[in-house]
Amino acid sequence: MKAVITVTGKDTVGIIALVSTECAANDVNILDISQTVLGEYFAMIMLADVEKLKIPFVEFADRLAELGRAKNLDIHVMHEDIFNSMHRI
C-alpha cells in the first residue's frame, strides 16, 4: 500500500524534517520525494509505503494535516488507490 503526501506553504526551515519525522514515528517509509521552492513558497510531493503503518490510515492523515495547520502549511495524505482513481483518464 502506498500513499501520496503533498505539502504546500511558505518556505521555512524544517518542513521536510517535520513530515519525515511523523512518517518515521509511524513506520511509514518514504519511497520518493520531490520538492521545490518557488519564490517564497514550498511545494513537496512524497510517495510513501504505508504497509506497516502503526495507526489507522485516516488517523495518520489527520495527524499530518494537524501538523501542517500548526505550521501554516497545507498537508494532504491520499491513499494510492484514490489517487490513481482520480487521475485515470
PDB file of N, CA and C in Angstrom:
ATOM      1  N   MET A   1       0.836  -1.176   0.000  1.00  0.00           N
ATOM      2  CA  MET A   1       0.000   0.000   0.000  1.00  0.00           C
ATOM      3  C   MET A   1       0.880   1.238   0.000  1.00  0.00           C
ATOM      4  N   LYS A   2       0.514   2.183  -0.828  1.00  0.00           N
ATOM      5  CA  LYS A   2       1.270   3.418  -0.897  1.00  0.00           C
ATOM      6  C   LYS A   2       0.336   4.602  -0.687  1.00  0.00           C
ATOM      7  N   ALA A   3       0.952   5.741  -0.358  1.00  0.00           N
ATOM      8  CA  ALA A   3       0.204   6.977  -0.200  1.00  0.00           C
ATOM      9  C   ALA A   3       0.994   8.107  -0.852  1.00  0.00           C
ATOM     10  N   VAL A   4       0.273   9.111  -1.294  1.00  0.00           N
ATOM     11  CA  VAL A   4       0.874  10.321  -1.828  1.00  0.00           C
ATOM     12  C   VAL A   4       0.663  11.412  -0.784  1.00  0.00           C
ATOM     13  N   ILE A   5       1.757  12.034  -0.377  1.00  0.00           N
ATOM     14  CA  ILE A   5       1.710  13.111   0.614  1.00  0.00           C
ATOM     15  C   ILE A   5       2.126  14.395  -0.083  1.00  0.00           C
ATOM     16  N   THR A   6       1.274  15.415  -0.012  1.00  0.00           N
ATOM     17  CA  THR A   6       1.621  16.706  -0.603  1.00  0.00           C
ATOM     18  C   THR A   6       1.701  17.756   0.494  1.00  0.00           C
ATOM     19  N   VAL A   7       2.650  18.671   0.313  1.00  0.00           N
ATOM     20  CA  VAL A   7       2.857  19.754   1.279  1.00  0.00           C
ATOM     21  C   VAL A   7       3.063  21.047   0.497  1.00  0.00           C
ATOM     22  N   THR A   8       2.302  22.075   0.848  1.00  0.00           N
ATOM     23  CA  THR A   8       2.491  23.394   0.242  1.00  0.00           C
ATOM     24  C   THR A   8       2.391  24.465   1.317  1.00  0.00           C
ATOM     25  N   GLY A   9       3.073  25.562   1.081  1.00  0.00           N
ATOM     26  CA  GLY A   9       3.014  26.686   2.008  1.00  0.00           C
ATOM     27  C   GLY A   9       4.237  27.565   1.882  1.00  0.00           C
ATOM     28  N   LYS A  10       4.324  28.558   2.745  1.00  0.00           N
ATOM     29  CA  LYS A  10       5.503  29.426   2.757  1.00  0.00           C
ATOM     30  C   LYS A  10       6.711  28.612   3.195  1.00  0.00           C
ATOM     31  N   ASP A  11       7.833  28.853   2.537  1.00  0.00           N
ATOM     32  CA  ASP A  11       9.052  28.113   2.844  1.00  0.00           C
ATOM     33  C   ASP A  11       9.598  28.502   4.215  1.00  0.00           C
ATOM     34  N   THR A  12       9.899  27.496   5.020  1.00  0.00           N
ATOM     35  CA  THR A  12      10.549  27.694   6.314  1.00  0.00           C
ATOM     36  C   THR A  12      11.506  26.530   6.547  1.00  0.00           C
ATOM     37  N   VAL A  13      12.386  26.699   7.484  1.00  0.00           N
ATOM     38  CA  VAL A  13      13.327  25.643   7.845  1.00  0.00           C
ATOM     39  C   VAL A  13      12.582  24.487   8.507  1.00  0.00           C
ATOM     40  N   GLY A  14      12.883  23.260   8.106  1.00  0.00           N
ATOM     41  CA  GLY A  14      12.385  22.090   8.807  1.00  0.00           C
ATOM     42  C   GLY A  14      11.121  21.448   8.284  1.00  0.00           C
ATOM     43  N   ILE A  15      10.624  21.865   7.137  1.00  0.00           N
ATOM     44  CA  ILE A  15       9.374  21.274   6.631  1.00  0.00           C
ATOM     45  C   ILE A  15       9.558  19.789   6.325  1.00  0.00           C
ATOM     46  N   ILE A  16      10.621  19.457   5.609  1.00  0.00           N
ATOM     47  CA  ILE A  16      10.861  18.055   5.269  1.00  0.00           C
ATOM     48  C   ILE A  16      11.070  17.242   6.545  1.00  0.00           C
ATOM     49  N   ALA A  17      11.814  17.797   7.492  1.00  0.00           N
ATOM     50  CA  ALA A  17      12.050  17.106   8.766  1.00  0.00           C
ATOM     51  C   ALA A  17      10.743  16.874   9.516  1.00  0.00           C
ATOM     52  N   LEU A  18       9.846  17.847   9.508  1.00  0.00           N
ATOM     53  CA  LEU A  18       8.553  17.721  10.182  1.00  0.00           C
ATOM     54  C   LEU A  18       7.771  16.527   9.650  1.00  0.00           C
ATOM     55  N   VAL A  19       7.667  16.446   8.328  1.00  0.00           N
ATOM     56  CA  VAL A  19       6.885  15.377   7.705  1.00  0.00           C
ATOM     57  C   VAL A  19       7.594  14.033   7.845  1.00  0.00           C
ATOM     58  N   SER A  20       8.886  14.006   7.590  1.00  0.00           N
ATOM     59  CA  SER A  20       9.603  12.724   7.648  1.00  0.00           C
ATOM     60  C   SER A  20       9.679  12.181   9.069  1.00  0.00           C
ATOM     61  N   THR A  21       9.724  13.043  10.085  1.00  0.00           N
ATOM     62  CA  THR A  21       9.728  12.593  11.476  1.00  0.00           C
ATOM     63  C   THR A  21       8.414  11.890  11.816  1.00  0.00           C
ATOM     64  N   GLU A  22       7.301  12.457  11.386  1.00  0.00           N
ATOM     65  CA  GLU A  22       5.999  11.829  11.636  1.00  0.00           C
ATOM     66  C   GLU A  22       5.882  10.508  10.880  1.00  0.00           C
ATOM     67  N   CYS A  23       6.415  10.482   9.669  1.00  0.00           N
ATOM     68  CA  CYS A  23       6.414   9.228   8.905  1.00  0.00           C
ATOM     69  C   CYS A  23       7.215   8.154   9.644  1.00  0.00           C
ATOM     70  N   ALA A  24       8.416   8.485  10.058  1.00  0.00           N
ATOM     71  CA  ALA A  24       9.278   7.525  10.742  1.00  0.00           C
ATOM     72  C   ALA A  24       8.656   7.039  12.047  1.00  0.00           C
ATOM     73  N   ALA A  25       8.007   7.925  12.770  1.00  0.00           N
ATOM     74  CA  ALA A  25       7.383   7.564  14.043  1.00  0.00           C
ATOM     75  C   ALA A  25       6.261   6.541  13.865  1.00  0.00           C
ATOM     76  N   ASN A  26       5.731   6.458  12.662  1.00  0.00           N
ATOM     77  CA  ASN A  26       4.613   5.543  12.386  1.00  0.00           C
ATOM     78  C   ASN A  26       4.971   4.443  11.398  1.00  0.00           C
ATOM     79  N   ASP A  27       6.270   4.186  11.227  1.00  0.00           N
ATOM     80  CA  ASP A  27       6.776   3.130  10.328  1.00  0.00           C
ATOM     81  C   ASP A  27       6.346   3.320   8.875  1.00  0.00           C
ATOM     82  N   VAL A  28       6.275   4.565   8.451  1.00  0.00           N
ATOM     83  CA  VAL A  28       5.976   4.887   7.057  1.00  0.00           C
ATOM     84  C   VAL A  28       7.305   5.137   6.359  1.00  0.00           C
ATOM     85  N   ASN A  29       7.561   4.396   5.287  1.00  0.00           N
ATOM     86  CA  ASN A  29       8.813   4.516   4.555  1.00  0.00           C
ATOM     87  C   ASN A  29       8.637   5.456   3.362  1.00  0.00           C
ATOM     88  N   ILE A  30       9.458   6.483   3.285  1.00  0.00           N
ATOM     89  CA  ILE A  30       9.411   7.417   2.167  1.00  0.00           C
ATOM     90  C   ILE A  30      10.151   6.787   0.994  1.00  0.00           C
ATOM     91  N   LEU A  31       9.434   6.558  -0.098  1.00  0.00           N
ATOM     92  CA  LEU A  31       9.996   5.898  -1.273  1.00  0.00           C
ATOM     93  C   LEU A  31      10.580   6.892  -2.264  1.00  0.00           C
ATOM     94  N   ASP A  32       9.939   8.038  -2.389  1.00  0.00           N
ATOM     95  CA  ASP A  32      10.395   9.047  -3.346  1.00  0.00           C
ATOM     96  C   ASP A  32       9.934  10.407  -2.851  1.00  0.00           C
ATOM     97  N   ILE A  33      10.709  11.422  -3.177  1.00  0.00           N
ATOM     98  CA  ILE A  33      10.367  12.775  -2.742  1.00  0.00           C
ATOM     99  C   ILE A  33      10.803  13.759  -3.815  1.00  0.00           C
ATOM    100  N   SER A  34       9.935  14.709  -4.066  1.00  0.00           N
ATOM    101  CA  SER A  34      10.252  15.806  -4.972  1.00  0.00           C
ATOM    102  C   SER A  34       9.826  17.090  -4.281  1.00  0.00           C
ATOM    103  N   GLN A  35      10.737  18.040  -4.202  1.00  0.00           N
ATOM    104  CA  GLN A  35      10.387  19.300  -3.557  1.00  0.00           C
ATOM    105  C   GLN A  35      11.037  20.447  -4.303  1.00  0.00           C
ATOM    106  N   THR A  36      10.402  21.586  -4.219  1.00  0.00           N
ATOM    107  CA  THR A  36      10.935  22.783  -4.856  1.00  0.00           C
ATOM    108  C   THR A  36      10.500  24.000  -4.063  1.00  0.00           C
ATOM    109  N   VAL A  37      11.239  25.072  -4.244  1.00  0.00           N
ATOM    110  CA  VAL A  37      10.868  26.351  -3.662  1.00  0.00           C
ATOM    111  C   VAL A  37      10.644  27.305  -4.832  1.00  0.00           C
ATOM    112  N   LEU A  38       9.443  27.853  -4.896  1.00  0.00           N
ATOM    113  CA  LEU A  38       9.059  28.797  -5.940  1.00  0.00           C
ATOM    114  C   LEU A  38       8.931  30.162  -5.295  1.00  0.00           C
ATOM    115  N   GLY A  39       9.970  30.976  -5.428  1.00  0.00           N
ATOM    116  CA  GLY A  39       9.974  32.255  -4.728  1.00  0.00           C
ATOM    117  C   GLY A  39      10.037  31.986  -3.244  1.00  0.00           C
ATOM    118  N   GLU A  40       8.999  32.375  -2.531  1.00  0.00           N
ATOM    119  CA  GLU A  40       8.958  32.132  -1.083  1.00  0.00           C
ATOM    120  C   GLU A  40       8.061  30.956  -0.713  1.00  0.00           C
ATOM    121  N   TYR A  41       7.585  30.215  -1.722  1.00  0.00           N
ATOM    122  CA  TYR A  41       6.653  29.117  -1.477  1.00  0.00           C
ATOM    123  C   TYR A  41       7.307  27.756  -1.664  1.00  0.00           C
ATOM    124  N   PHE A  42       6.960  26.839  -0.773  1.00  0.00           N
ATOM    125  CA  PHE A  42       7.486  25.482  -0.752  1.00  0.00           C
ATOM    126  C   PHE A  42       6.430  24.535  -1.294  1.00  0.00           C
ATOM    127  N   ALA A  43       6.842  23.576  -2.113  1.00  0.00           N
ATOM    128  CA  ALA A  43       5.931  22.544  -2.613  1.00  0.00           C
ATOM    129  C   ALA A  43       6.665  21.206  -2.601  1.00  0.00           C
ATOM    130  N   MET A  44       6.001  20.176  -2.078  1.00  0.00           N
ATOM    131  CA  MET A  44       6.620  18.858  -1.992  1.00  0.00           C
ATOM    132  C   MET A  44       5.583  17.774  -2.259  1.00  0.00           C
ATOM    133  N   ILE A  45       6.044  16.723  -2.935  1.00  0.00           N
ATOM    134  CA  ILE A  45       5.243  15.516  -3.125  1.00  0.00           C
ATOM    135  C   ILE A  45       6.097  14.349  -2.671  1.00  0.00           C
ATOM    136  N   MET A  46       5.526  13.510  -1.828  1.00  0.00           N
ATOM    137  CA  MET A  46       6.199  12.296  -1.369  1.00  0.00           C
ATOM    138  C   MET A  46       5.371  11.092  -1.772  1.00  0.00           C
ATOM    139  N   LEU A  47       6.050  10.023  -2.136  1.00  0.00           N
ATOM    140  CA  LEU A  47       5.412   8.727  -2.296  1.00  0.00           C
ATOM    141  C   LEU A  47       5.895   7.896  -1.121  1.00  0.00           C
ATOM    142  N   ALA A  48       4.965   7.356  -0.355  1.00  0.00           N
ATOM    143  CA  ALA A  48       5.323   6.647   0.878  1.00  0.00           C
ATOM    144  C   ALA A  48       4.674   5.273   0.927  1.00  0.00           C
ATOM    145  N   ASP A  49       5.417   4.319   1.490  1.00  0.00           N
ATOM    146  CA  ASP A  49       4.897   2.976   1.722  1.00  0.00           C
ATOM    147  C   ASP A  49       4.239   2.969   3.099  1.00  0.00           C
ATOM    148  N   VAL A  50       2.937   2.734   3.137  1.00  0.00           N
ATOM    149  CA  VAL A  50       2.184   2.743   4.397  1.00  0.00           C
ATOM    150  C   VAL A  50       1.763   1.330   4.822  1.00  0.00           C
ATOM    151  N   GLU A  51       2.406   0.337   4.259  1.00  0.00           N
ATOM    152  CA  GLU A  51       2.065  -1.061   4.552  1.00  0.00           C
ATOM    153  C   GLU A  51       2.212  -1.394   6.032  1.00  0.00           C
ATOM    154  N   LYS A  52       3.228  -0.840   6.703  1.00  0.00           N
ATOM    155  CA  LYS A  52       3.494  -1.156   8.110  1.00  0.00           C
ATOM    156  C   LYS A  52       3.011  -0.058   9.060  1.00  0.00           C
ATOM    157  N   LEU A  53       2.137   0.793   8.588  1.00  0.00           N
ATOM    158  CA  LEU A  53       1.612   1.905   9.377  1.00  0.00           C
ATOM    159  C   LEU A  53       1.098   1.416  10.726  1.00  0.00           C
ATOM    160  N   LYS A  54       1.533   2.057  11.807  1.00  0.00           N
ATOM    161  CA  LYS A  54       1.193   1.637  13.174  1.00  0.00           C
ATOM    162  C   LYS A  54      -0.220   2.040  13.602  1.00  0.00           C
ATOM    163  N   ILE A  55      -0.785   3.022  12.939  1.00  0.00           N
ATOM    164  CA  ILE A  55      -2.095   3.556  13.307  1.00  0.00           C
ATOM    165  C   ILE A  55      -3.010   3.502  12.084  1.00  0.00           C
ATOM    166  N   PRO A  56      -4.309   3.677  12.263  1.00  0.00           N
ATOM    167  CA  PRO A  56      -5.198   3.703  11.093  1.00  0.00           C
ATOM    168  C   PRO A  56      -4.794   4.811  10.119  1.00  0.00           C
ATOM    169  N   PHE A  57      -4.974   4.530   8.823  1.00  0.00           N
ATOM    170  CA  PHE A  57      -4.578   5.463   7.773  1.00  0.00           C
ATOM    171  C   PHE A  57      -5.200   6.846   7.978  1.00  0.00           C
ATOM    172  N   VAL A  58      -6.483   6.885   8.287  1.00  0.00           N
ATOM    173  CA  VAL A  58      -7.178   8.160   8.475  1.00  0.00           C
ATOM    174  C   VAL A  58      -6.555   8.953   9.625  1.00  0.00           C
ATOM    175  N   GLU A  59      -6.183   8.272  10.688  1.00  0.00           N
ATOM    176  CA  GLU A  59      -5.546   8.954  11.816  1.00  0.00           C
ATOM    177  C   GLU A  59      -4.189   9.535  11.414  1.00  0.00           C
ATOM    178  N   PHE A  60      -3.427   8.788  10.625  1.00  0.00           N
ATOM    179  CA  PHE A  60      -2.140   9.280  10.127  1.00  0.00           C
ATOM    180  C   PHE A  60      -2.345  10.532   9.272  1.00  0.00           C
ATOM    181  N   ALA A  61      -3.310  10.478   8.372  1.00  0.00           N
ATOM    182  CA  ALA A  61      -3.604  11.629   7.516  1.00  0.00           C
ATOM    183  C   ALA A  61      -4.027  12.836   8.356  1.00  0.00           C
ATOM    184  N   ASP A  62      -4.843  12.606   9.364  1.00  0.00           N
ATOM    185  CA  ASP A  62      -5.287  13.693  10.250  1.00  0.00           C
ATOM    186  C   ASP A  62      -4.123  14.289  11.034  1.00  0.00           C
ATOM    187  N   ARG A  63      -3.215  13.438  11.500  1.00  0.00           N
ATOM    188  CA  ARG A  63      -2.048  13.932  12.250  1.00  0.00           C
ATOM    189  C   ARG A  63      -1.180  14.844  11.382  1.00  0.00           C
ATOM    190  N   LEU A  64      -0.945  14.413  10.136  1.00  0.00           N
ATOM    191  CA  LEU A  64      -0.137  15.251   9.256  1.00  0.00           C
ATOM    192  C   LEU A  64      -0.852  16.561   8.921  1.00  0.00           C
ATOM    193  N   ALA A  65      -2.156  16.488   8.712  1.00  0.00           N
ATOM    194  CA  ALA A  65      -2.921  17.707   8.438  1.00  0.00           C
ATOM    195  C   ALA A  65      -2.831  18.676   9.622  1.00  0.00           C
ATOM    196  N   GLU A  66      -2.932  18.137  10.824  1.00  0.00           N
ATOM    197  CA  GLU A  66      -2.837  18.975  12.026  1.00  0.00           C
ATOM    198  C   GLU A  66      -1.432  19.569  12.180  1.00  0.00           C
ATOM    199  N   LEU A  67      -0.405  18.776  11.925  1.00  0.00           N
ATOM    200  CA  LEU A  67       0.964  19.314  11.946  1.00  0.00           C
ATOM    201  C   LEU A  67       1.090  20.467  10.959  1.00  0.00           C
ATOM    202  N   GLY A  68       0.498  20.289   9.800  1.00  0.00           N
ATOM    203  CA  GLY A  68       0.529  21.345   8.785  1.00  0.00           C
ATOM    204  C   GLY A  68      -0.162  22.611   9.262  1.00  0.00           C
ATOM    205  N   ARG A  69      -1.347  22.470   9.830  1.00  0.00           N
ATOM    206  CA  ARG A  69      -2.072  23.648  10.330  1.00  0.00           C
ATOM    207  C   ARG A  69      -1.256  24.391  11.383  1.00  0.00           C
ATOM    208  N   ALA A  70      -0.569  23.641  12.243  1.00  0.00           N
ATOM    209  CA  ALA A  70       0.243  24.259  13.301  1.00  0.00           C
ATOM    210  C   ALA A  70       1.410  25.053  12.729  1.00  0.00           C
ATOM    211  N   LYS A  71       1.851  24.700  11.517  1.00  0.00           N
ATOM    212  CA  LYS A  71       2.992  25.383  10.884  1.00  0.00           C
ATOM    213  C   LYS A  71       2.566  26.223   9.675  1.00  0.00           C
ATOM    214  N   ASN A  72       1.262  26.461   9.545  1.00  0.00           N
ATOM    215  CA  ASN A  72       0.714  27.219   8.415  1.00  0.00           C
ATOM    216  C   ASN A  72       1.055  26.586   7.068  1.00  0.00           C
ATOM    217  N   LEU A  73       0.967  25.261   7.019  1.00  0.00           N
ATOM    218  CA  LEU A  73       1.200  24.503   5.794  1.00  0.00           C
ATOM    219  C   LEU A  73      -0.062  23.727   5.454  1.00  0.00           C
ATOM    220  N   ASP A  74      -0.188  23.384   4.200  1.00  0.00           N
ATOM    221  CA  ASP A  74      -1.298  22.538   3.752  1.00  0.00           C
ATOM    222  C   ASP A  74      -0.720  21.153   3.464  1.00  0.00           C
ATOM    223  N   ILE A  75      -1.030  20.172   4.310  1.00  0.00           N
ATOM    224  CA  ILE A  75      -0.516  18.809   4.143  1.00  0.00           C
ATOM    225  C   ILE A  75      -1.697  17.875   3.910  1.00  0.00           C
ATOM    226  N   HIS A  76      -1.625  17.134   2.795  1.00  0.00           N
ATOM    227  CA  HIS A  76      -2.660  16.159   2.449  1.00  0.00           C
ATOM    228  C   HIS A  76      -2.018  14.792   2.265  1.00  0.00           C
ATOM    229  N   VAL A  77      -2.699  13.763   2.742  1.00  0.00           N
ATOM    230  CA  VAL A  77      -2.267  12.387   2.541  1.00  0.00           C
ATOM    231  C   VAL A  77      -3.392  11.681   1.803  1.00  0.00           C
ATOM    232  N   MET A  78      -3.052  11.099   0.667  1.00  0.00           N
ATOM    233  CA  MET A  78      -4.055  10.427  -0.154  1.00  0.00           C
ATOM    234  C   MET A  78      -3.599   9.001  -0.429  1.00  0.00           C
ATOM    235  N   HIS A  79      -4.463   8.043  -0.149  1.00  0.00           N
ATOM    236  CA  HIS A  79      -4.148   6.646  -0.436  1.00  0.00           C
ATOM    237  C   HIS A  79      -3.933   6.485  -1.938  1.00  0.00           C
ATOM    238  N   GLU A  80      -3.003   5.653  -2.301  1.00  0.00           N
ATOM    239  CA  GLU A  80      -2.652   5.419  -3.704  1.00  0.00           C
ATOM    240  C   GLU A  80      -3.871   5.041  -4.548  1.00  0.00           C
ATOM    241  N   ASP A  81      -4.772   4.236  -4.009  1.00  0.00           N
ATOM    242  CA  ASP A  81      -5.952   3.812  -4.770  1.00  0.00           C
ATOM    243  C   ASP A  81      -6.822   5.001  -5.158  1.00  0.00           C
ATOM    244  N   ILE A  82      -7.028   5.924  -4.233  1.00  0.00           N
ATOM    245  CA  ILE A  82      -7.834   7.117  -4.521  1.00  0.00           C
ATOM    246  C   ILE A  82      -7.104   7.994  -5.538  1.00  0.00           C
ATOM    247  N   PHE A  83      -5.807   8.184  -5.321  1.00  0.00           N
ATOM    248  CA  PHE A  83      -5.005   8.997  -6.239  1.00  0.00           C
ATOM    249  C   PHE A  83      -5.101   8.436  -7.657  1.00  0.00           C
ATOM    250  N   ASN A  84      -4.914   7.135  -7.792  1.00  0.00           N
ATOM    251  CA  ASN A  84      -4.972   6.518  -9.119  1.00  0.00           C
ATOM    252  C   ASN A  84      -6.351   6.648  -9.742  1.00  0.00           C
ATOM    253  N   SER A  85      -7.410   6.482  -8.965  1.00  0.00           N
ATOM    254  CA  SER A  85      -8.765   6.605  -9.489  1.00  0.00           C
ATOM    255  C   SER A  85      -9.057   8.033  -9.950  1.00  0.00           C
ATOM    256  N   MET A  86      -8.576   9.001  -9.214  1.00  0.00           N
ATOM    257  CA  MET A  86      -8.822  10.404  -9.565  1.00  0.00           C
ATOM    258  C   MET A  86      -8.088  10.814 -10.846  1.00  0.00           C
ATOM    259  N   HIS A  87      -6.982  10.162 -11.128  1.00  0.00           N
ATOM    260  CA  HIS A  87      -6.147  10.582 -12.261  1.00  0.00           C
ATOM    261  C   HIS A  87      -6.206   9.617 -13.441  1.00  0.00           C
ATOM    262  N   ARG A  88      -7.202   8.763 -13.427  1.00  0.00           N
ATOM    263  CA  ARG A  88      -7.406   7.849 -14.548  1.00  0.00           C
ATOM    264  C   ARG A  88      -8.192   8.568 -15.637  1.00  0.00           C
ATOM    265  N   ILE A  89      -7.712   8.455 -16.835  1.00  0.00           N
ATOM    266  CA  ILE A  89      -8.382   9.143 -17.967  1.00  0.00           C
ATOM    267  C   ILE A  89      -9.271   8.170 -18.706  1.00  0.00           C
TER     268      ILE A  89
END
